[in-house]
Amino acid sequence: IHAVYKGSLNTSVVRVAELFRAAIEAPAAAVIIAHNHPSGDPSPSPEDVRVTRQLVKAGKLLDIEVLDHVVIGQGGQFVSLKERGLGFD
C-alpha cells in the first residue's frame, strides 16, 4: 500500500503520473486505486469517474492494469467503480 495524496476535507488534486510511480518502480502488473470520502458517503463523484478514465487509459499505455478504483465511506461502506462500470469503458 502506497499513500500518494492527502487531500483536504472536500478536494484533492490528483496527478495520474504520481499514482503510477510506485507501480512502475515495483514493477507491478496491476494496481487497485482507493480513496476515502470524508463525508462518509462512498458515492463516486463525477471527478472520481473522470480520474478513473484517465487512470485506465494511462495504465494501458504503461501495461499496468487498473483492476479497480474503490471509494471508501464510513461504517465499512465502499463502492467499486469497476463493478458499477464507471470509468472502465
N, C-alpha and C. Protein backbone atom coordinates (compact mmCIF):
# COMPACT_ATOMS: atom_id res chain seq x y z
N ILE A 1 0.86 -1.18 0.00
CA ILE A 1 0.00 0.00 0.00
C ILE A 1 0.90 1.23 0.00
N HIS A 2 0.61 2.13 -0.91
CA HIS A 2 1.36 3.38 -1.01
C HIS A 2 0.40 4.55 -0.92
N ALA A 3 0.56 5.38 0.09
CA ALA A 3 -0.23 6.60 0.18
C ALA A 3 0.43 7.63 -0.72
N VAL A 4 -0.34 8.16 -1.65
CA VAL A 4 0.22 9.09 -2.63
C VAL A 4 -0.22 10.51 -2.37
N TYR A 5 -1.48 10.70 -2.02
CA TYR A 5 -2.02 12.04 -1.81
C TYR A 5 -2.79 12.11 -0.51
N LYS A 6 -2.77 13.27 0.08
CA LYS A 6 -3.63 13.55 1.22
C LYS A 6 -4.36 14.83 0.88
N GLY A 7 -5.67 14.71 0.71
CA GLY A 7 -6.46 15.86 0.29
C GLY A 7 -6.98 16.65 1.48
N SER A 8 -7.74 17.68 1.17
CA SER A 8 -8.39 18.46 2.21
C SER A 8 -9.75 17.83 2.50
N LEU A 9 -10.58 18.52 3.20
CA LEU A 9 -11.87 17.98 3.58
C LEU A 9 -12.72 17.60 2.37
N ASN A 10 -12.66 18.38 1.30
CA ASN A 10 -13.54 18.10 0.17
C ASN A 10 -12.87 18.07 -1.20
N THR A 11 -11.54 18.05 -1.23
CA THR A 11 -10.89 18.02 -2.54
C THR A 11 -9.46 17.47 -2.44
N SER A 12 -9.02 16.94 -3.54
CA SER A 12 -7.62 16.52 -3.67
C SER A 12 -7.24 16.64 -5.14
N VAL A 13 -6.11 17.23 -5.39
CA VAL A 13 -5.61 17.33 -6.75
C VAL A 13 -4.80 16.07 -7.03
N VAL A 14 -5.16 15.37 -8.10
CA VAL A 14 -4.52 14.09 -8.40
C VAL A 14 -3.75 14.20 -9.70
N ARG A 15 -2.49 13.82 -9.66
CA ARG A 15 -1.66 13.75 -10.86
C ARG A 15 -1.48 12.26 -11.18
N VAL A 16 -2.00 11.85 -12.32
CA VAL A 16 -2.01 10.43 -12.70
C VAL A 16 -0.61 9.83 -12.66
N ALA A 17 0.39 10.55 -13.12
CA ALA A 17 1.76 10.03 -13.14
C ALA A 17 2.22 9.64 -11.74
N GLU A 18 1.86 10.42 -10.73
CA GLU A 18 2.27 10.12 -9.36
C GLU A 18 1.62 8.83 -8.86
N LEU A 19 0.41 8.55 -9.30
CA LEU A 19 -0.27 7.34 -8.86
C LEU A 19 0.39 6.08 -9.41
N PHE A 20 1.07 6.18 -10.52
CA PHE A 20 1.73 5.02 -11.12
C PHE A 20 3.20 4.87 -10.74
N ARG A 21 3.77 5.86 -10.07
CA ARG A 21 5.21 5.83 -9.75
C ARG A 21 5.62 4.55 -9.03
N ALA A 22 4.96 4.21 -7.94
CA ALA A 22 5.33 3.02 -7.16
C ALA A 22 5.13 1.74 -7.98
N ALA A 23 4.08 1.71 -8.79
CA ALA A 23 3.82 0.53 -9.62
C ALA A 23 4.92 0.34 -10.66
N ILE A 24 5.40 1.42 -11.22
CA ILE A 24 6.48 1.34 -12.21
C ILE A 24 7.77 0.89 -11.54
N GLU A 25 8.05 1.44 -10.36
CA GLU A 25 9.28 1.09 -9.65
C GLU A 25 9.25 -0.35 -9.14
N ALA A 26 8.08 -0.91 -8.89
CA ALA A 26 7.96 -2.24 -8.25
C ALA A 26 8.58 -3.39 -9.03
N PRO A 27 8.46 -3.65 -10.23
CA PRO A 27 7.44 -3.29 -11.20
C PRO A 27 6.18 -4.14 -10.99
N ALA A 28 5.04 -3.49 -11.03
CA ALA A 28 3.75 -4.16 -10.82
C ALA A 28 3.04 -4.38 -12.14
N ALA A 29 2.28 -5.45 -12.21
CA ALA A 29 1.48 -5.74 -13.40
C ALA A 29 0.11 -5.08 -13.31
N ALA A 30 -0.31 -4.76 -12.09
CA ALA A 30 -1.65 -4.20 -11.90
C ALA A 30 -1.70 -3.38 -10.62
N VAL A 31 -2.69 -2.50 -10.53
CA VAL A 31 -2.90 -1.68 -9.34
C VAL A 31 -4.39 -1.63 -9.01
N ILE A 32 -4.67 -1.36 -7.74
CA ILE A 32 -6.01 -1.01 -7.28
C ILE A 32 -5.87 0.35 -6.63
N ILE A 33 -6.67 1.28 -7.09
CA ILE A 33 -6.64 2.64 -6.55
C ILE A 33 -7.79 2.74 -5.55
N ALA A 34 -7.53 3.34 -4.41
CA ALA A 34 -8.57 3.53 -3.40
C ALA A 34 -8.41 4.88 -2.73
N HIS A 35 -9.54 5.47 -2.39
CA HIS A 35 -9.51 6.70 -1.61
C HIS A 35 -10.79 6.78 -0.79
N ASN A 36 -10.77 7.64 0.21
CA ASN A 36 -11.95 7.77 1.04
C ASN A 36 -12.67 9.08 0.76
N HIS A 37 -13.92 9.11 1.14
CA HIS A 37 -14.70 10.34 1.12
C HIS A 37 -14.96 10.71 2.58
N PRO A 38 -14.35 11.77 3.07
CA PRO A 38 -14.51 12.15 4.47
C PRO A 38 -15.97 12.38 4.87
N SER A 39 -16.82 12.67 3.90
CA SER A 39 -18.24 12.87 4.21
C SER A 39 -18.88 11.58 4.70
N GLY A 40 -18.24 10.44 4.40
CA GLY A 40 -18.79 9.15 4.78
C GLY A 40 -19.63 8.51 3.69
N ASP A 41 -20.01 9.28 2.68
CA ASP A 41 -20.80 8.77 1.56
C ASP A 41 -19.84 8.29 0.47
N PRO A 42 -19.82 6.99 0.18
CA PRO A 42 -18.87 6.49 -0.80
C PRO A 42 -19.32 6.64 -2.26
N SER A 43 -20.41 7.34 -2.51
CA SER A 43 -20.87 7.52 -3.89
C SER A 43 -19.81 8.23 -4.72
N PRO A 44 -19.44 7.67 -5.87
CA PRO A 44 -18.41 8.29 -6.71
C PRO A 44 -18.88 9.64 -7.26
N SER A 45 -17.99 10.60 -7.23
CA SER A 45 -18.27 11.92 -7.80
C SER A 45 -17.94 11.89 -9.29
N PRO A 46 -18.42 12.88 -10.04
CA PRO A 46 -18.02 12.97 -11.45
C PRO A 46 -16.50 13.05 -11.61
N GLU A 47 -15.83 13.70 -10.66
CA GLU A 47 -14.36 13.79 -10.70
C GLU A 47 -13.74 12.42 -10.49
N ASP A 48 -14.31 11.60 -9.62
CA ASP A 48 -13.81 10.23 -9.41
C ASP A 48 -13.88 9.43 -10.71
N VAL A 49 -14.98 9.58 -11.43
CA VAL A 49 -15.16 8.85 -12.69
C VAL A 49 -14.17 9.37 -13.74
N ARG A 50 -13.98 10.69 -13.78
CA ARG A 50 -13.05 11.29 -14.75
C ARG A 50 -11.62 10.80 -14.48
N VAL A 51 -11.21 10.80 -13.22
CA VAL A 51 -9.86 10.35 -12.87
C VAL A 51 -9.71 8.86 -13.18
N THR A 52 -10.75 8.07 -12.93
CA THR A 52 -10.69 6.65 -13.23
C THR A 52 -10.44 6.42 -14.71
N ARG A 53 -11.14 7.15 -15.56
CA ARG A 53 -10.92 7.04 -17.02
C ARG A 53 -9.47 7.34 -17.37
N GLN A 54 -8.92 8.40 -16.76
CA GLN A 54 -7.53 8.77 -17.02
C GLN A 54 -6.58 7.68 -16.55
N LEU A 55 -6.86 7.10 -15.39
CA LEU A 55 -6.01 6.05 -14.85
C LEU A 55 -6.03 4.80 -15.73
N VAL A 56 -7.20 4.41 -16.17
CA VAL A 56 -7.32 3.22 -17.03
C VAL A 56 -6.57 3.45 -18.34
N LYS A 57 -6.73 4.63 -18.91
CA LYS A 57 -6.04 4.96 -20.17
C LYS A 57 -4.52 4.95 -19.98
N ALA A 58 -4.04 5.58 -18.91
CA ALA A 58 -2.60 5.61 -18.64
C ALA A 58 -2.08 4.21 -18.35
N GLY A 59 -2.85 3.43 -17.62
CA GLY A 59 -2.44 2.06 -17.31
C GLY A 59 -2.25 1.22 -18.56
N LYS A 60 -3.13 1.41 -19.53
CA LYS A 60 -2.99 0.67 -20.80
C LYS A 60 -1.70 1.05 -21.51
N LEU A 61 -1.35 2.33 -21.49
CA LEU A 61 -0.10 2.77 -22.13
C LEU A 61 1.12 2.22 -21.41
N LEU A 62 1.03 2.09 -20.09
CA LEU A 62 2.15 1.61 -19.29
C LEU A 62 2.18 0.09 -19.12
N ASP A 63 1.16 -0.58 -19.62
CA ASP A 63 0.99 -2.02 -19.45
C ASP A 63 0.87 -2.39 -17.97
N ILE A 64 0.12 -1.54 -17.24
CA ILE A 64 -0.19 -1.79 -15.83
C ILE A 64 -1.72 -1.71 -15.73
N GLU A 65 -2.34 -2.85 -15.51
CA GLU A 65 -3.80 -2.89 -15.47
C GLU A 65 -4.34 -2.23 -14.20
N VAL A 66 -5.35 -1.40 -14.38
CA VAL A 66 -6.07 -0.85 -13.23
C VAL A 66 -7.21 -1.82 -12.95
N LEU A 67 -7.08 -2.58 -11.86
CA LEU A 67 -8.06 -3.60 -11.53
C LEU A 67 -9.35 -2.99 -10.99
N ASP A 68 -9.23 -1.90 -10.24
CA ASP A 68 -10.41 -1.26 -9.68
C ASP A 68 -10.03 0.09 -9.10
N HIS A 69 -11.03 0.90 -8.90
CA HIS A 69 -10.92 2.16 -8.17
C HIS A 69 -12.04 2.10 -7.14
N VAL A 70 -11.66 2.09 -5.88
CA VAL A 70 -12.61 1.90 -4.79
C VAL A 70 -12.72 3.18 -3.98
N VAL A 71 -13.96 3.59 -3.70
CA VAL A 71 -14.22 4.74 -2.85
C VAL A 71 -14.74 4.21 -1.52
N ILE A 72 -14.09 4.61 -0.45
CA ILE A 72 -14.43 4.11 0.88
C ILE A 72 -15.18 5.18 1.66
N GLY A 73 -16.26 4.76 2.31
CA GLY A 73 -17.05 5.66 3.15
C GLY A 73 -16.97 5.23 4.59
N GLN A 74 -17.96 5.62 5.36
CA GLN A 74 -17.99 5.26 6.78
C GLN A 74 -18.66 3.91 6.99
N GLY A 75 -18.35 3.31 8.12
CA GLY A 75 -19.02 2.08 8.52
C GLY A 75 -18.78 0.90 7.60
N GLY A 76 -17.61 0.87 6.96
CA GLY A 76 -17.30 -0.25 6.08
C GLY A 76 -17.96 -0.18 4.71
N GLN A 77 -18.64 0.90 4.43
CA GLN A 77 -19.26 1.06 3.10
C GLN A 77 -18.19 1.40 2.08
N PHE A 78 -18.36 0.87 0.89
CA PHE A 78 -17.44 1.20 -0.20
C PHE A 78 -18.17 1.01 -1.53
N VAL A 79 -17.62 1.63 -2.57
CA VAL A 79 -18.14 1.49 -3.92
C VAL A 79 -17.00 1.15 -4.85
N SER A 80 -17.19 0.11 -5.64
CA SER A 80 -16.24 -0.27 -6.68
C SER A 80 -16.69 0.39 -7.97
N LEU A 81 -15.86 1.27 -8.52
CA LEU A 81 -16.21 1.89 -9.78
C LEU A 81 -16.24 0.86 -10.90
N LYS A 82 -15.40 -0.15 -10.82
CA LYS A 82 -15.40 -1.19 -11.85
C LYS A 82 -16.71 -1.95 -11.84
N GLU A 83 -17.20 -2.32 -10.66
CA GLU A 83 -18.47 -3.06 -10.57
C GLU A 83 -19.62 -2.23 -11.14
N ARG A 84 -19.54 -0.92 -10.98
CA ARG A 84 -20.60 -0.04 -11.50
C ARG A 84 -20.36 0.37 -12.95
N GLY A 85 -19.24 -0.04 -13.51
CA GLY A 85 -18.95 0.30 -14.90
C GLY A 85 -18.63 1.77 -15.11
N LEU A 86 -18.08 2.41 -14.09
CA LEU A 86 -17.79 3.84 -14.18
C LEU A 86 -16.30 4.08 -14.43
N GLY A 87 -16.00 4.54 -15.64
CA GLY A 87 -14.63 4.85 -15.99
C GLY A 87 -13.84 3.70 -16.58
N PHE A 88 -14.45 2.54 -16.69
CA PHE A 88 -13.77 1.36 -17.23
C PHE A 88 -14.36 0.98 -18.59
N ASP A 89 -14.64 1.99 -19.44
CA ASP A 89 -15.24 1.69 -20.75
C ASP A 89 -14.24 1.19 -21.74
